[in-house]
PDB file of N, CA and C in Angstrom:
ATOM      1  N   UNK A   1     161.369  90.496  43.205  1.00  0.00           N
ATOM      2  CA  UNK A   1     161.629  91.891  43.494  1.00  0.00           C
ATOM      3  C   UNK A   1     162.678  91.988  44.638  1.00  0.00           C
ATOM      4  N   UNK A   2     163.622  92.852  44.519  1.00  0.00           N
ATOM      5  CA  UNK A   2     164.623  93.036  45.560  1.00  0.00           C
ATOM      6  C   UNK A   2     164.003  93.815  46.681  1.00  0.00           C
ATOM      7  N   UNK A   3     164.370  93.458  47.905  1.00  0.00           N
ATOM      8  CA  UNK A   3     163.880  94.146  49.109  1.00  0.00           C
ATOM      9  C   UNK A   3     164.523  95.521  49.106  1.00  0.00           C
ATOM     10  N   UNK A   4     163.703  96.516  49.412  1.00  0.00           N
ATOM     11  CA  UNK A   4     164.158  97.884  49.518  1.00  0.00           C
ATOM     12  C   UNK A   4     164.095  98.328  50.975  1.00  0.00           C
ATOM     13  N   UNK A   5     165.210  98.715  51.477  1.00  0.00           N
ATOM     14  CA  UNK A   5     165.324  99.261  52.872  1.00  0.00           C
ATOM     15  C   UNK A   5     165.984 100.589  52.802  1.00  0.00           C
ATOM     16  N   UNK A   6     165.369 101.548  53.434  1.00  0.00           N
ATOM     17  CA  UNK A   6     165.944 102.931  53.451  1.00  0.00           C
ATOM     18  C   UNK A   6     165.613 103.610  54.775  1.00  0.00           C
ATOM     19  N   UNK A   7     166.538 104.373  55.241  1.00  0.00           N
ATOM     20  CA  UNK A   7     166.313 105.103  56.536  1.00  0.00           C
ATOM     21  C   UNK A   7     166.722 106.529  56.383  1.00  0.00           C
ATOM     22  N   UNK A   8     165.974 107.447  56.988  1.00  0.00           N
ATOM     23  CA  UNK A   8     166.341 108.882  56.894  1.00  0.00           C
ATOM     24  C   UNK A   8     167.079 109.343  58.144  1.00  0.00           C
ATOM     25  N   UNK A   9     167.652 110.512  58.043  1.00  0.00           N
ATOM     26  CA  UNK A   9     168.206 111.213  59.199  1.00  0.00           C
ATOM     27  C   UNK A   9     167.026 111.754  60.031  1.00  0.00           C
ATOM     28  N   UNK A  10     167.364 112.245  61.232  1.00  0.00           N
ATOM     29  CA  UNK A  10     166.299 112.914  62.035  1.00  0.00           C
ATOM     30  C   UNK A  10     166.038 114.265  61.407  1.00  0.00           C
ATOM     31  N   UNK A  11     164.728 114.540  61.173  1.00  0.00           N
ATOM     32  CA  UNK A  11     164.311 115.781  60.536  1.00  0.00           C
ATOM     33  C   UNK A  11     163.637 116.640  61.585  1.00  0.00           C
ATOM     34  N   UNK A  12     164.053 117.886  61.780  1.00  0.00           N
ATOM     35  CA  UNK A  12     163.476 118.770  62.776  1.00  0.00           C
ATOM     36  C   UNK A  12     162.091 119.229  62.356  1.00  0.00           C
ATOM     37  N   UNK A  13     161.165 119.236  63.342  1.00  0.00           N
ATOM     38  CA  UNK A  13     159.801 119.693  63.109  1.00  0.00           C
ATOM     39  C   UNK A  13     159.423 120.902  63.912  1.00  0.00           C
ATOM     40  N   UNK A  14     160.305 121.328  64.811  1.00  0.00           N
ATOM     41  CA  UNK A  14     160.014 122.521  65.677  1.00  0.00           C
ATOM     42  C   UNK A  14     159.880 122.131  67.095  1.00  0.00           C
ATOM     43  N   UNK A  15     160.185 123.070  67.964  1.00  0.00           N
ATOM     44  CA  UNK A  15     160.012 122.888  69.472  1.00  0.00           C
ATOM     45  C   UNK A  15     160.674 121.616  69.978  1.00  0.00           C
ATOM     46  N   UNK A  16     161.800 121.276  69.348  1.00  0.00           N
ATOM     47  CA  UNK A  16     162.575 120.024  69.866  1.00  0.00           C
ATOM     48  C   UNK A  16     162.032 118.738  69.301  1.00  0.00           C
ATOM     49  N   UNK A  17     160.987 118.697  68.524  1.00  0.00           N
ATOM     50  CA  UNK A  17     160.512 117.444  67.948  1.00  0.00           C
ATOM     51  C   UNK A  17     161.222 117.118  66.682  1.00  0.00           C
ATOM     52  N   UNK A  18     161.547 115.865  66.484  1.00  0.00           N
ATOM     53  CA  UNK A  18     162.117 115.354  65.233  1.00  0.00           C
ATOM     54  C   UNK A  18     161.375 114.136  64.813  1.00  0.00           C
ATOM     55  N   UNK A  19     161.559 113.803  63.529  1.00  0.00           N
ATOM     56  CA  UNK A  19     160.987 112.550  63.009  1.00  0.00           C
ATOM     57  C   UNK A  19     162.037 111.926  62.082  1.00  0.00           C
ATOM     58  N   UNK A  20     162.140 110.597  62.094  1.00  0.00           N
ATOM     59  CA  UNK A  20     162.934 109.906  61.122  1.00  0.00           C
ATOM     60  C   UNK A  20     162.074 108.836  60.493  1.00  0.00           C
ATOM     61  N   UNK A  21     162.400 108.460  59.296  1.00  0.00           N
ATOM     62  CA  UNK A  21     161.560 107.499  58.527  1.00  0.00           C
ATOM     63  C   UNK A  21     162.363 106.285  58.171  1.00  0.00           C
ATOM     64  N   UNK A  22     161.696 105.142  58.160  1.00  0.00           N
ATOM     65  CA  UNK A  22     162.230 103.885  57.703  1.00  0.00           C
ATOM     66  C   UNK A  22     161.234 103.250  56.748  1.00  0.00           C
ATOM     67  N   UNK A  23     161.765 102.870  55.583  1.00  0.00           N
ATOM     68  CA  UNK A  23     160.982 102.100  54.589  1.00  0.00           C
ATOM     69  C   UNK A  23     161.530 100.707  54.572  1.00  0.00           C
ATOM     70  N   UNK A  24     160.736  99.766  54.937  1.00  0.00           N
ATOM     71  CA  UNK A  24     161.162  98.347  55.043  1.00  0.00           C
ATOM     72  C   UNK A  24     159.911  97.461  54.829  1.00  0.00           C
ATOM     73  N   UNK A  25     160.105  96.359  54.084  1.00  0.00           N
ATOM     74  CA  UNK A  25     158.999  95.438  53.815  1.00  0.00           C
ATOM     75  C   UNK A  25     157.763  96.163  53.236  1.00  0.00           C
ATOM     76  N   UNK A  26     158.027  97.095  52.401  1.00  0.00           N
ATOM     77  CA  UNK A  26     156.963  97.913  51.686  1.00  0.00           C
ATOM     78  C   UNK A  26     156.107  98.663  52.664  1.00  0.00           C
ATOM     79  N   UNK A  27     156.673  99.025  53.835  1.00  0.00           N
ATOM     80  CA  UNK A  27     155.980  99.774  54.818  1.00  0.00           C
ATOM     81  C   UNK A  27     156.753 101.031  55.240  1.00  0.00           C
ATOM     82  N   UNK A  28     156.102 102.113  55.469  1.00  0.00           N
ATOM     83  CA  UNK A  28     156.743 103.293  55.925  1.00  0.00           C
ATOM     84  C   UNK A  28     156.475 103.502  57.434  1.00  0.00           C
ATOM     85  N   UNK A  29     157.512 103.649  58.197  1.00  0.00           N
ATOM     86  CA  UNK A  29     157.414 103.865  59.645  1.00  0.00           C
ATOM     87  C   UNK A  29     157.998 105.218  59.999  1.00  0.00           C
ATOM     88  N   UNK A  30     157.412 105.887  60.913  1.00  0.00           N
ATOM     89  CA  UNK A  30     157.895 107.194  61.387  1.00  0.00           C
ATOM     90  C   UNK A  30     158.228 107.045  62.902  1.00  0.00           C
ATOM     91  N   UNK A  31     159.416 107.549  63.232  1.00  0.00           N
ATOM     92  CA  UNK A  31     159.879 107.505  64.625  1.00  0.00           C
ATOM     93  C   UNK A  31     160.001 108.924  65.116  1.00  0.00           C
ATOM     94  N   UNK A  32     159.087 109.339  66.016  1.00  0.00           N
ATOM     95  CA  UNK A  32     159.123 110.671  66.597  1.00  0.00           C
ATOM     96  C   UNK A  32     159.967 110.717  67.837  1.00  0.00           C
ATOM     97  N   UNK A  33     160.721 111.832  68.022  1.00  0.00           N
ATOM     98  CA  UNK A  33     161.447 112.045  69.220  1.00  0.00           C
ATOM     99  C   UNK A  33     161.153 113.447  69.747  1.00  0.00           C
ATOM    100  N   UNK A  34     161.010 113.714  70.986  1.00  0.00           N
ATOM    101  CA  UNK A  34     161.159 112.753  72.097  1.00  0.00           C
ATOM    102  C   UNK A  34     159.940 111.840  72.273  1.00  0.00           C
ATOM    103  N   UNK A  35     158.781 112.256  71.606  1.00  0.00           N
ATOM    104  CA  UNK A  35     157.598 111.357  71.627  1.00  0.00           C
ATOM    105  C   UNK A  35     156.685 111.880  70.540  1.00  0.00           C
ATOM    106  N   UNK A  36     155.636 111.173  70.286  1.00  0.00           N
ATOM    107  CA  UNK A  36     154.603 111.550  69.305  1.00  0.00           C
ATOM    108  C   UNK A  36     153.752 112.650  69.951  1.00  0.00           C
ATOM    109  N   UNK A  37     153.656 113.838  69.347  1.00  0.00           N
ATOM    110  CA  UNK A  37     152.807 114.900  69.877  1.00  0.00           C
ATOM    111  C   UNK A  37     151.350 114.523  69.679  1.00  0.00           C
ATOM    112  N   UNK A  38     150.491 115.007  70.518  1.00  0.00           N
ATOM    113  CA  UNK A  38     149.058 114.578  70.411  1.00  0.00           C
ATOM    114  C   UNK A  38     148.174 115.809  70.694  1.00  0.00           C
ATOM    115  N   UNK A  39     146.894 115.636  70.411  1.00  0.00           N
ATOM    116  CA  UNK A  39     145.905 116.662  70.699  1.00  0.00           C
ATOM    117  C   UNK A  39     146.056 117.923  69.793  1.00  0.00           C
ATOM    118  N   UNK A  40     145.422 118.975  70.225  1.00  0.00           N
ATOM    119  CA  UNK A  40     145.433 120.205  69.448  1.00  0.00           C
ATOM    120  C   UNK A  40     146.845 120.741  69.257  1.00  0.00           C
ATOM    121  N   UNK A  41     147.659 120.693  70.292  1.00  0.00           N
ATOM    122  CA  UNK A  41     149.018 121.197  70.155  1.00  0.00           C
ATOM    123  C   UNK A  41     149.830 120.316  69.171  1.00  0.00           C
ATOM    124  N   UNK A  42     149.545 119.066  69.135  1.00  0.00           N
ATOM    125  CA  UNK A  42     150.254 118.193  68.220  1.00  0.00           C
ATOM    126  C   UNK A  42     149.967 118.435  66.778  1.00  0.00           C
ATOM    127  N   UNK A  43     148.762 118.907  66.474  1.00  0.00           N
ATOM    128  CA  UNK A  43     148.340 119.185  65.099  1.00  0.00           C
ATOM    129  C   UNK A  43     149.196 120.246  64.403  1.00  0.00           C
ATOM    130  N   UNK A  44     149.766 121.123  65.183  1.00  0.00           N
ATOM    131  CA  UNK A  44     150.587 122.203  64.543  1.00  0.00           C
ATOM    132  C   UNK A  44     151.839 121.617  63.902  1.00  0.00           C
ATOM    133  N   UNK A  45     152.217 120.419  64.193  1.00  0.00           N
ATOM    134  CA  UNK A  45     153.422 119.837  63.625  1.00  0.00           C
ATOM    135  C   UNK A  45     153.075 119.101  62.313  1.00  0.00           C
ATOM    136  N   UNK A  46     151.775 118.940  61.998  1.00  0.00           N
ATOM    137  CA  UNK A  46     151.421 118.189  60.834  1.00  0.00           C
ATOM    138  C   UNK A  46     151.967 118.715  59.499  1.00  0.00           C
ATOM    139  N   UNK A  47     151.916 120.042  59.251  1.00  0.00           N
ATOM    140  CA  UNK A  47     152.521 120.538  57.988  1.00  0.00           C
ATOM    141  C   UNK A  47     154.035 120.217  57.858  1.00  0.00           C
ATOM    142  N   UNK A  48     154.775 120.355  58.956  1.00  0.00           N
ATOM    143  CA  UNK A  48     156.208 120.088  58.920  1.00  0.00           C
ATOM    144  C   UNK A  48     156.443 118.586  58.768  1.00  0.00           C
ATOM    145  N   UNK A  49     155.631 117.788  59.401  1.00  0.00           N
ATOM    146  CA  UNK A  49     155.722 116.300  59.268  1.00  0.00           C
ATOM    147  C   UNK A  49     155.493 115.909  57.820  1.00  0.00           C
ATOM    148  N   UNK A  50     154.410 116.474  57.205  1.00  0.00           N
ATOM    149  CA  UNK A  50     154.166 116.070  55.826  1.00  0.00           C
ATOM    150  C   UNK A  50     155.271 116.507  54.865  1.00  0.00           C
ATOM    151  N   UNK A  51     155.876 117.671  55.091  1.00  0.00           N
ATOM    152  CA  UNK A  51     156.980 118.107  54.253  1.00  0.00           C
ATOM    153  C   UNK A  51     158.153 117.145  54.387  1.00  0.00           C
ATOM    154  N   UNK A  52     158.449 116.765  55.632  1.00  0.00           N
ATOM    155  CA  UNK A  52     159.572 115.839  55.855  1.00  0.00           C
ATOM    156  C   UNK A  52     159.246 114.471  55.214  1.00  0.00           C
ATOM    157  N   UNK A  53     158.036 113.981  55.386  1.00  0.00           N
ATOM    158  CA  UNK A  53     157.644 112.716  54.828  1.00  0.00           C
ATOM    159  C   UNK A  53     157.732 112.754  53.335  1.00  0.00           C
ATOM    160  N   UNK A  54     157.210 113.849  52.715  1.00  0.00           N
ATOM    161  CA  UNK A  54     157.227 113.942  51.299  1.00  0.00           C
ATOM    162  C   UNK A  54     158.669 113.977  50.743  1.00  0.00           C
ATOM    163  N   UNK A  55     159.583 114.650  51.453  1.00  0.00           N
ATOM    164  CA  UNK A  55     161.007 114.703  51.049  1.00  0.00           C
ATOM    165  C   UNK A  55     161.586 113.285  51.103  1.00  0.00           C
ATOM    166  N   UNK A  56     161.261 112.515  52.143  1.00  0.00           N
ATOM    167  CA  UNK A  56     161.793 111.144  52.243  1.00  0.00           C
ATOM    168  C   UNK A  56     161.227 110.302  51.099  1.00  0.00           C
ATOM    169  N   UNK A  57     159.945 110.425  50.864  1.00  0.00           N
ATOM    170  CA  UNK A  57     159.315 109.626  49.785  1.00  0.00           C
ATOM    171  C   UNK A  57     159.934 110.008  48.422  1.00  0.00           C
ATOM    172  N   UNK A  58     160.202 111.263  48.187  1.00  0.00           N
ATOM    173  CA  UNK A  58     160.854 111.683  46.926  1.00  0.00           C
ATOM    174  C   UNK A  58     162.220 111.089  46.828  1.00  0.00           C
ATOM    175  N   UNK A  59     162.998 111.046  47.891  1.00  0.00           N
ATOM    176  CA  UNK A  59     164.297 110.425  47.859  1.00  0.00           C
ATOM    177  C   UNK A  59     164.203 108.953  47.557  1.00  0.00           C
ATOM    178  N   UNK A  60     163.262 108.301  48.219  1.00  0.00           N
ATOM    179  CA  UNK A  60     162.991 106.837  47.978  1.00  0.00           C
ATOM    180  C   UNK A  60     162.671 106.588  46.471  1.00  0.00           C
ATOM    181  N   UNK A  61     161.781 107.437  45.916  1.00  0.00           N
ATOM    182  CA  UNK A  61     161.427 107.254  44.505  1.00  0.00           C
ATOM    183  C   UNK A  61     162.613 107.511  43.561  1.00  0.00           C
ATOM    184  N   UNK A  62     163.402 108.523  43.867  1.00  0.00           N
ATOM    185  CA  UNK A  62     164.577 108.767  43.058  1.00  0.00           C
ATOM    186  C   UNK A  62     165.576 107.650  43.111  1.00  0.00           C
ATOM    187  N   UNK A  63     165.803 107.138  44.307  1.00  0.00           N
ATOM    188  CA  UNK A  63     166.772 106.071  44.486  1.00  0.00           C
ATOM    189  C   UNK A  63     166.360 104.764  43.805  1.00  0.00           C
ATOM    190  N   UNK A  64     165.068 104.445  43.886  1.00  0.00           N
ATOM    191  CA  UNK A  64     164.623 103.175  43.353  1.00  0.00           C
ATOM    192  C   UNK A  64     164.042 103.242  41.956  1.00  0.00           C
ATOM    193  N   UNK A  65     163.649 104.472  41.505  1.00  0.00           N
ATOM    194  CA  UNK A  65     163.002 104.577  40.210  1.00  0.00           C
ATOM    195  C   UNK A  65     161.527 104.138  40.229  1.00  0.00           C
ATOM    196  N   UNK A  66     161.031 103.871  41.391  1.00  0.00           N
ATOM    197  CA  UNK A  66     159.657 103.419  41.514  1.00  0.00           C
ATOM    198  C   UNK A  66     158.726 104.615  41.746  1.00  0.00           C
ATOM    199  N   UNK A  67     157.448 104.413  41.421  1.00  0.00           N
ATOM    200  CA  UNK A  67     156.386 105.314  41.757  1.00  0.00           C
ATOM    201  C   UNK A  67     155.932 104.959  43.127  1.00  0.00           C
ATOM    202  N   UNK A  68     155.827 105.905  44.065  1.00  0.00           N
ATOM    203  CA  UNK A  68     155.475 105.609  45.442  1.00  0.00           C
ATOM    204  C   UNK A  68     154.211 106.347  45.774  1.00  0.00           C
ATOM    205  N   UNK A  69     153.296 105.638  46.387  1.00  0.00           N
ATOM    206  CA  UNK A  69     151.993 106.186  46.861  1.00  0.00           C
ATOM    207  C   UNK A  69     151.896 106.041  48.390  1.00  0.00           C
ATOM    208  N   UNK A  70     151.554 107.097  49.019  1.00  0.00           N
ATOM    209  CA  UNK A  70     151.306 107.048  50.497  1.00  0.00           C
ATOM    210  C   UNK A  70     149.846 107.316  50.725  1.00  0.00           C
ATOM    211  N   UNK A  71     149.232 106.451  51.561  1.00  0.00           N
ATOM    212  CA  UNK A  71     147.840 106.577  51.942  1.00  0.00           C
ATOM    213  C   UNK A  71     147.819 106.882  53.418  1.00  0.00           C
ATOM    214  N   UNK A  72     147.331 108.054  53.788  1.00  0.00           N
ATOM    215  CA  UNK A  72     147.167 108.425  55.223  1.00  0.00           C
ATOM    216  C   UNK A  72     145.903 107.798  55.779  1.00  0.00           C
ATOM    217  N   UNK A  73     146.039 107.179  56.918  1.00  0.00           N
ATOM    218  CA  UNK A  73     144.873 106.594  57.584  1.00  0.00           C
ATOM    219  C   UNK A  73     144.604 107.327  58.861  1.00  0.00           C
TER     220      UNK A  73
END
């Protein structure tokens, strides 16, 4: 199987937070800027994060023709 590497642009989440995604070695990584939000205040970004992640995964699936499954831990 050919290695699949893909990177997204920075996606705005609100209040100056952004996230970008990298898919490499069959792993999805998220890079938050300026930092990963945490606690109660951080939870408000979860819907925007999931929309951004789902958009990236959809692009990945379209580009590769693969079915992609994400498991949140």
